[in-house]
């Protein structure tokens, strides 16, 4: 294996694999740059668990609107 193959493999390991990882990475990259992240939801439903683990009850939350996250550098 050449050194180029190793570099390609290592960069693949560091790739984002889930939506939460993507959101965290984007927020970290934008923090301190006066950036805003805006999410718009239309009739979205989320079942929120009362606790972690099996046997948790769920409350259904409905979201219809805008969530805006703004960062600023101090």
PDB file of N, CA and C in Angstrom:
ATOM      1  N   UNK A   1       0.850  -1.171   0.000  1.00  0.00           N
ATOM      2  CA  UNK A   1       0.000   0.000   0.000  1.00  0.00           C
ATOM      3  C   UNK A   1       0.891   1.229   0.000  1.00  0.00           C
ATOM      4  N   UNK A   2       0.604   2.180  -0.848  1.00  0.00           N
ATOM      5  CA  UNK A   2       1.398   3.394  -0.928  1.00  0.00           C
ATOM      6  C   UNK A   2       0.955   4.374   0.151  1.00  0.00           C
ATOM      7  N   UNK A   3       1.742   5.428   0.359  1.00  0.00           N
ATOM      8  CA  UNK A   3       1.376   6.426   1.357  1.00  0.00           C
ATOM      9  C   UNK A   3       0.093   7.149   0.955  1.00  0.00           C
ATOM     10  N   UNK A   4      -0.176   7.278  -0.349  1.00  0.00           N
ATOM     11  CA  UNK A   4      -1.402   7.909  -0.803  1.00  0.00           C
ATOM     12  C   UNK A   4      -2.624   7.081  -0.414  1.00  0.00           C
ATOM     13  N   UNK A   5      -2.487   5.743  -0.480  1.00  0.00           N
ATOM     14  CA  UNK A   5      -3.591   4.875  -0.087  1.00  0.00           C
ATOM     15  C   UNK A   5      -3.886   5.020   1.398  1.00  0.00           C
ATOM     16  N   UNK A   6      -2.850   5.142   2.218  1.00  0.00           N
ATOM     17  CA  UNK A   6      -3.030   5.307   3.653  1.00  0.00           C
ATOM     18  C   UNK A   6      -3.755   6.612   3.944  1.00  0.00           C
ATOM     19  N   UNK A   7      -3.372   7.681   3.285  1.00  0.00           N
ATOM     20  CA  UNK A   7      -4.003   8.981   3.500  1.00  0.00           C
ATOM     21  C   UNK A   7      -5.476   8.925   3.134  1.00  0.00           C
ATOM     22  N   UNK A   8      -5.811   8.291   2.047  1.00  0.00           N
ATOM     23  CA  UNK A   8      -7.206   8.174   1.628  1.00  0.00           C
ATOM     24  C   UNK A   8      -8.015   7.393   2.655  1.00  0.00           C
ATOM     25  N   UNK A   9      -7.430   6.322   3.194  1.00  0.00           N
ATOM     26  CA  UNK A   9      -8.118   5.514   4.193  1.00  0.00           C
ATOM     27  C   UNK A   9      -8.329   6.305   5.474  1.00  0.00           C
ATOM     28  N   UNK A  10      -7.318   7.040   5.926  1.00  0.00           N
ATOM     29  CA  UNK A  10      -7.436   7.827   7.148  1.00  0.00           C
ATOM     30  C   UNK A  10      -8.495   8.917   7.002  1.00  0.00           C
ATOM     31  N   UNK A  11      -8.559   9.558   5.846  1.00  0.00           N
ATOM     32  CA  UNK A  11      -9.550  10.614   5.665  1.00  0.00           C
ATOM     33  C   UNK A  11     -10.959  10.036   5.636  1.00  0.00           C
ATOM     34  N   UNK A  12     -11.116   8.807   5.166  1.00  0.00           N
ATOM     35  CA  UNK A  12     -12.425   8.163   5.149  1.00  0.00           C
ATOM     36  C   UNK A  12     -12.913   7.922   6.575  1.00  0.00           C
ATOM     37  N   UNK A  13     -12.014   7.568   7.474  1.00  0.00           N
ATOM     38  CA  UNK A  13     -12.374   7.307   8.862  1.00  0.00           C
ATOM     39  C   UNK A  13     -12.910   8.581   9.519  1.00  0.00           C
ATOM     40  N   UNK A  14     -12.383   9.752   9.140  1.00  0.00           N
ATOM     41  CA  UNK A  14     -12.786  11.009   9.745  1.00  0.00           C
ATOM     42  C   UNK A  14     -14.045  11.609   9.127  1.00  0.00           C
ATOM     43  N   UNK A  15     -14.634  10.964   8.139  1.00  0.00           N
ATOM     44  CA  UNK A  15     -15.818  11.506   7.479  1.00  0.00           C
ATOM     45  C   UNK A  15     -17.031  11.453   8.402  1.00  0.00           C
ATOM     46  N   UNK A  16     -17.940  12.392   8.201  1.00  0.00           N
ATOM     47  CA  UNK A  16     -19.182  12.437   8.947  1.00  0.00           C
ATOM     48  C   UNK A  16     -20.069  11.287   8.505  1.00  0.00           C
ATOM     49  N   UNK A  17     -20.685  10.613   9.490  1.00  0.00           N
ATOM     50  CA  UNK A  17     -21.499   9.450   9.156  1.00  0.00           C
ATOM     51  C   UNK A  17     -22.948   9.569   9.598  1.00  0.00           C
ATOM     52  N   UNK A  18     -23.266  10.546  10.465  1.00  0.00           N
ATOM     53  CA  UNK A  18     -24.636  10.681  10.945  1.00  0.00           C
ATOM     54  C   UNK A  18     -25.069  12.142  10.866  1.00  0.00           C
ATOM     55  N   UNK A  19     -26.387  12.372  10.915  1.00  0.00           N
ATOM     56  CA  UNK A  19     -26.913  13.747  10.896  1.00  0.00           C
ATOM     57  C   UNK A  19     -26.429  14.545  12.101  1.00  0.00           C
ATOM     58  N   UNK A  20     -26.427  13.978  13.326  1.00  0.00           N
ATOM     59  CA  UNK A  20     -25.908  14.756  14.460  1.00  0.00           C
ATOM     60  C   UNK A  20     -24.443  15.150  14.283  1.00  0.00           C
ATOM     61  N   UNK A  21     -23.610  14.252  13.754  1.00  0.00           N
ATOM     62  CA  UNK A  21     -22.209  14.592  13.503  1.00  0.00           C
ATOM     63  C   UNK A  21     -22.101  15.745  12.512  1.00  0.00           C
ATOM     64  N   UNK A  22     -22.947  15.728  11.488  1.00  0.00           N
ATOM     65  CA  UNK A  22     -22.945  16.797  10.497  1.00  0.00           C
ATOM     66  C   UNK A  22     -23.316  18.126  11.145  1.00  0.00           C
ATOM     67  N   UNK A  23     -24.367  18.127  11.956  1.00  0.00           N
ATOM     68  CA  UNK A  23     -24.808  19.359  12.615  1.00  0.00           C
ATOM     69  C   UNK A  23     -23.733  19.898  13.561  1.00  0.00           C
ATOM     70  N   UNK A  24     -23.136  19.019  14.339  1.00  0.00           N
ATOM     71  CA  UNK A  24     -22.095  19.438  15.277  1.00  0.00           C
ATOM     72  C   UNK A  24     -20.899  20.004  14.527  1.00  0.00           C
ATOM     73  N   UNK A  25     -20.466  19.311  13.481  1.00  0.00           N
ATOM     74  CA  UNK A  25     -19.320  19.774  12.693  1.00  0.00           C
ATOM     75  C   UNK A  25     -19.583  21.118  12.050  1.00  0.00           C
ATOM     76  N   UNK A  26     -20.781  21.299  11.513  1.00  0.00           N
ATOM     77  CA  UNK A  26     -21.132  22.557  10.874  1.00  0.00           C
ATOM     78  C   UNK A  26     -21.174  23.674  11.905  1.00  0.00           C
ATOM     79  N   UNK A  27     -21.788  23.431  13.043  1.00  0.00           N
ATOM     80  CA  UNK A  27     -21.877  24.448  14.084  1.00  0.00           C
ATOM     81  C   UNK A  27     -20.480  24.832  14.581  1.00  0.00           C
ATOM     82  N   UNK A  28     -19.616  23.836  14.815  1.00  0.00           N
ATOM     83  CA  UNK A  28     -18.257  24.117  15.278  1.00  0.00           C
ATOM     84  C   UNK A  28     -17.478  24.933  14.251  1.00  0.00           C
ATOM     85  N   UNK A  29     -17.669  24.644  12.994  1.00  0.00           N
ATOM     86  CA  UNK A  29     -16.964  25.368  11.939  1.00  0.00           C
ATOM     87  C   UNK A  29     -17.440  26.813  11.842  1.00  0.00           C
ATOM     88  N   UNK A  30     -18.734  27.051  12.104  1.00  0.00           N
ATOM     89  CA  UNK A  30     -19.302  28.388  11.964  1.00  0.00           C
ATOM     90  C   UNK A  30     -19.203  29.232  13.232  1.00  0.00           C
ATOM     91  N   UNK A  31     -18.982  28.598  14.386  1.00  0.00           N
ATOM     92  CA  UNK A  31     -18.917  29.335  15.643  1.00  0.00           C
ATOM     93  C   UNK A  31     -17.826  30.396  15.564  1.00  0.00           C
ATOM     94  N   UNK A  32     -18.169  31.587  16.021  1.00  0.00           N
ATOM     95  CA  UNK A  32     -17.197  32.673  16.037  1.00  0.00           C
ATOM     96  C   UNK A  32     -17.084  33.407  14.723  1.00  0.00           C
ATOM     97  N   UNK A  33     -17.899  33.076  13.769  1.00  0.00           N
ATOM     98  CA  UNK A  33     -17.824  33.737  12.468  1.00  0.00           C
ATOM     99  C   UNK A  33     -19.087  34.530  12.175  1.00  0.00           C
ATOM    100  N   UNK A  34     -19.884  34.770  13.200  1.00  0.00           N
ATOM    101  CA  UNK A  34     -21.116  35.531  13.028  1.00  0.00           C
ATOM    102  C   UNK A  34     -22.124  34.833  12.138  1.00  0.00           C
ATOM    103  N   UNK A  35     -22.081  33.525  12.110  1.00  0.00           N
ATOM    104  CA  UNK A  35     -22.927  32.756  11.203  1.00  0.00           C
ATOM    105  C   UNK A  35     -24.275  32.441  11.833  1.00  0.00           C
ATOM    106  N   UNK A  36     -25.234  32.157  11.000  1.00  0.00           N
ATOM    107  CA  UNK A  36     -26.555  31.714  11.452  1.00  0.00           C
ATOM    108  C   UNK A  36     -26.918  30.446  10.714  1.00  0.00           C
ATOM    109  N   UNK A  37     -27.485  29.502  11.448  1.00  0.00           N
ATOM    110  CA  UNK A  37     -27.999  28.272  10.856  1.00  0.00           C
ATOM    111  C   UNK A  37     -29.505  28.322  11.036  1.00  0.00           C
ATOM    112  N   UNK A  38     -30.245  28.156   9.971  1.00  0.00           N
ATOM    113  CA  UNK A  38     -31.701  28.233  10.033  1.00  0.00           C
ATOM    114  C   UNK A  38     -32.295  26.916   9.564  1.00  0.00           C
ATOM    115  N   UNK A  39     -33.191  26.368  10.389  1.00  0.00           N
ATOM    116  CA  UNK A  39     -33.908  25.155  10.048  1.00  0.00           C
ATOM    117  C   UNK A  39     -35.375  25.524   9.923  1.00  0.00           C
ATOM    118  N   UNK A  40     -36.032  25.072   8.875  1.00  0.00           N
ATOM    119  CA  UNK A  40     -37.454  25.305   8.707  1.00  0.00           C
ATOM    120  C   UNK A  40     -38.169  23.958   8.706  1.00  0.00           C
ATOM    121  N   UNK A  41     -39.217  23.870   9.505  1.00  0.00           N
ATOM    122  CA  UNK A  41     -39.966  22.633   9.642  1.00  0.00           C
ATOM    123  C   UNK A  41     -41.405  22.857   9.219  1.00  0.00           C
ATOM    124  N   UNK A  42     -41.951  21.873   8.549  1.00  0.00           N
ATOM    125  CA  UNK A  42     -43.354  21.928   8.151  1.00  0.00           C
ATOM    126  C   UNK A  42     -44.015  20.625   8.567  1.00  0.00           C
ATOM    127  N   UNK A  43     -44.888  20.708   9.556  1.00  0.00           N
ATOM    128  CA  UNK A  43     -45.630  19.543  10.056  1.00  0.00           C
ATOM    129  C   UNK A  43     -44.713  18.383  10.443  1.00  0.00           C
ATOM    130  N   UNK A  44     -43.613  18.672  11.119  1.00  0.00           N
ATOM    131  CA  UNK A  44     -42.698  17.624  11.561  1.00  0.00           C
ATOM    132  C   UNK A  44     -43.163  17.089  12.907  1.00  0.00           C
ATOM    133  N   UNK A  45     -43.134  15.771  13.091  1.00  0.00           N
ATOM    134  CA  UNK A  45     -43.505  15.150  14.347  1.00  0.00           C
ATOM    135  C   UNK A  45     -42.316  14.382  14.894  1.00  0.00           C
ATOM    136  N   UNK A  46     -42.077  14.558  16.213  1.00  0.00           N
ATOM    137  CA  UNK A  46     -40.966  13.893  16.879  1.00  0.00           C
ATOM    138  C   UNK A  46     -41.511  13.207  18.114  1.00  0.00           C
ATOM    139  N   UNK A  47     -41.198  11.938  18.280  1.00  0.00           N
ATOM    140  CA  UNK A  47     -41.569  11.220  19.490  1.00  0.00           C
ATOM    141  C   UNK A  47     -40.406  11.329  20.475  1.00  0.00           C
ATOM    142  N   UNK A  48     -40.630  12.069  21.567  1.00  0.00           N
ATOM    143  CA  UNK A  48     -39.586  12.343  22.548  1.00  0.00           C
ATOM    144  C   UNK A  48     -39.745  11.373  23.718  1.00  0.00           C
ATOM    145  N   UNK A  49     -38.692  10.571  24.005  1.00  0.00           N
ATOM    146  CA  UNK A  49     -38.793   9.594  25.092  1.00  0.00           C
ATOM    147  C   UNK A  49     -38.720  10.268  26.466  1.00  0.00           C
ATOM    148  N   UNK A  50     -39.397   9.669  27.453  1.00  0.00           N
ATOM    149  CA  UNK A  50     -39.392  10.191  28.816  1.00  0.00           C
ATOM    150  C   UNK A  50     -38.102   9.845  29.550  1.00  0.00           C
ATOM    151  N   UNK A  51     -37.395   8.830  29.054  1.00  0.00           N
ATOM    152  CA  UNK A  51     -36.128   8.411  29.657  1.00  0.00           C
ATOM    153  C   UNK A  51     -35.368   7.561  28.650  1.00  0.00           C
ATOM    154  N   UNK A  52     -34.104   7.298  28.933  1.00  0.00           N
ATOM    155  CA  UNK A  52     -33.298   6.429  28.070  1.00  0.00           C
ATOM    156  C   UNK A  52     -33.601   4.974  28.407  1.00  0.00           C
ATOM    157  N   UNK A  53     -33.485   4.118  27.417  1.00  0.00           N
ATOM    158  CA  UNK A  53     -33.660   2.698  27.657  1.00  0.00           C
ATOM    159  C   UNK A  53     -35.041   2.196  27.276  1.00  0.00           C
ATOM    160  N   UNK A  54     -35.209   0.900  27.485  1.00  0.00           N
ATOM    161  CA  UNK A  54     -36.477   0.266  27.138  1.00  0.00           C
ATOM    162  C   UNK A  54     -37.577   0.692  28.102  1.00  0.00           C
ATOM    163  N   UNK A  55     -38.804   0.631  27.629  1.00  0.00           N
ATOM    164  CA  UNK A  55     -39.946   0.932  28.481  1.00  0.00           C
ATOM    165  C   UNK A  55     -40.244   2.413  28.636  1.00  0.00           C
ATOM    166  N   UNK A  56     -39.551   3.255  27.906  1.00  0.00           N
ATOM    167  CA  UNK A  56     -39.799   4.690  28.004  1.00  0.00           C
ATOM    168  C   UNK A  56     -41.118   5.044  27.331  1.00  0.00           C
ATOM    169  N   UNK A  57     -41.847   5.957  27.935  1.00  0.00           N
ATOM    170  CA  UNK A  57     -43.039   6.489  27.298  1.00  0.00           C
ATOM    171  C   UNK A  57     -42.596   7.611  26.369  1.00  0.00           C
ATOM    172  N   UNK A  58     -43.447   7.942  25.403  1.00  0.00           N
ATOM    173  CA  UNK A  58     -43.081   8.964  24.435  1.00  0.00           C
ATOM    174  C   UNK A  58     -44.154  10.041  24.345  1.00  0.00           C
ATOM    175  N   UNK A  59     -43.705  11.267  24.243  1.00  0.00           N
ATOM    176  CA  UNK A  59     -44.597  12.393  23.986  1.00  0.00           C
ATOM    177  C   UNK A  59     -44.379  12.805  22.537  1.00  0.00           C
ATOM    178  N   UNK A  60     -45.443  13.089  21.823  1.00  0.00           N
ATOM    179  CA  UNK A  60     -45.324  13.504  20.426  1.00  0.00           C
ATOM    180  C   UNK A  60     -45.284  15.023  20.370  1.00  0.00           C
ATOM    181  N   UNK A  61     -44.179  15.550  19.843  1.00  0.00           N
ATOM    182  CA  UNK A  61     -44.033  16.993  19.657  1.00  0.00           C
ATOM    183  C   UNK A  61     -44.249  17.294  18.190  1.00  0.00           C
ATOM    184  N   UNK A  62     -44.963  18.350  17.913  1.00  0.00           N
ATOM    185  CA  UNK A  62     -45.172  18.798  16.538  1.00  0.00           C
ATOM    186  C   UNK A  62     -44.486  20.133  16.356  1.00  0.00           C
ATOM    187  N   UNK A  63     -43.726  20.235  15.294  1.00  0.00           N
ATOM    188  CA  UNK A  63     -42.972  21.450  15.011  1.00  0.00           C
ATOM    189  C   UNK A  63     -43.391  21.966  13.645  1.00  0.00           C
ATOM    190  N   UNK A  64     -43.780  23.224  13.613  1.00  0.00           N
ATOM    191  CA  UNK A  64     -44.146  23.861  12.356  1.00  0.00           C
ATOM    192  C   UNK A  64     -43.666  25.302  12.452  1.00  0.00           C
ATOM    193  N   UNK A  65     -42.495  25.558  11.919  1.00  0.00           N
ATOM    194  CA  UNK A  65     -41.940  26.904  12.006  1.00  0.00           C
ATOM    195  C   UNK A  65     -40.453  26.907  11.756  1.00  0.00           C
ATOM    196  N   UNK A  66     -39.792  27.922  12.296  1.00  0.00           N
ATOM    197  CA  UNK A  66     -38.377  28.141  12.030  1.00  0.00           C
ATOM    198  C   UNK A  66     -37.586  28.118  13.326  1.00  0.00           C
ATOM    199  N   UNK A  67     -36.444  27.452  13.311  1.00  0.00           N
ATOM    200  CA  UNK A  67     -35.474  27.457  14.399  1.00  0.00           C
ATOM    201  C   UNK A  67     -34.210  28.090  13.842  1.00  0.00           C
ATOM    202  N   UNK A  68     -33.752  29.160  14.461  1.00  0.00           N
ATOM    203  CA  UNK A  68     -32.557  29.846  13.978  1.00  0.00           C
ATOM    204  C   UNK A  68     -31.518  29.827  15.082  1.00  0.00           C
ATOM    205  N   UNK A  69     -30.311  29.350  14.780  1.00  0.00           N
ATOM    206  CA  UNK A  69     -29.184  29.321  15.710  1.00  0.00           C
ATOM    207  C   UNK A  69     -28.163  30.298  15.182  1.00  0.00           C
ATOM    208  N   UNK A  70     -27.791  31.273  16.022  1.00  0.00           N
ATOM    209  CA  UNK A  70     -26.843  32.295  15.600  1.00  0.00           C
ATOM    210  C   UNK A  70     -25.624  32.249  16.501  1.00  0.00           C
ATOM    211  N   UNK A  71     -24.449  32.407  15.933  1.00  0.00           N
ATOM    212  CA  UNK A  71     -23.222  32.430  16.709  1.00  0.00           C
ATOM    213  C   UNK A  71     -22.571  33.797  16.582  1.00  0.00           C
ATOM    214  N   UNK A  72     -21.825  34.138  17.601  1.00  0.00           N
ATOM    215  CA  UNK A  72     -21.048  35.379  17.521  1.00  0.00           C
ATOM    216  C   UNK A  72     -19.786  35.222  18.362  1.00  0.00           C
ATOM    217  N   UNK A  73     -18.776  35.928  17.966  1.00  0.00           N
ATOM    218  CA  UNK A  73     -17.493  35.869  18.640  1.00  0.00           C
ATOM    219  C   UNK A  73     -17.424  36.976  19.675  1.00  0.00           C
ATOM    220  N   UNK A  74     -16.947  36.643  20.884  1.00  0.00           N
ATOM    221  CA  UNK A  74     -16.810  37.666  21.929  1.00  0.00           C
ATOM    222  C   UNK A  74     -15.384  38.132  22.024  1.00  0.00           C
TER     223      UNK A  74
END
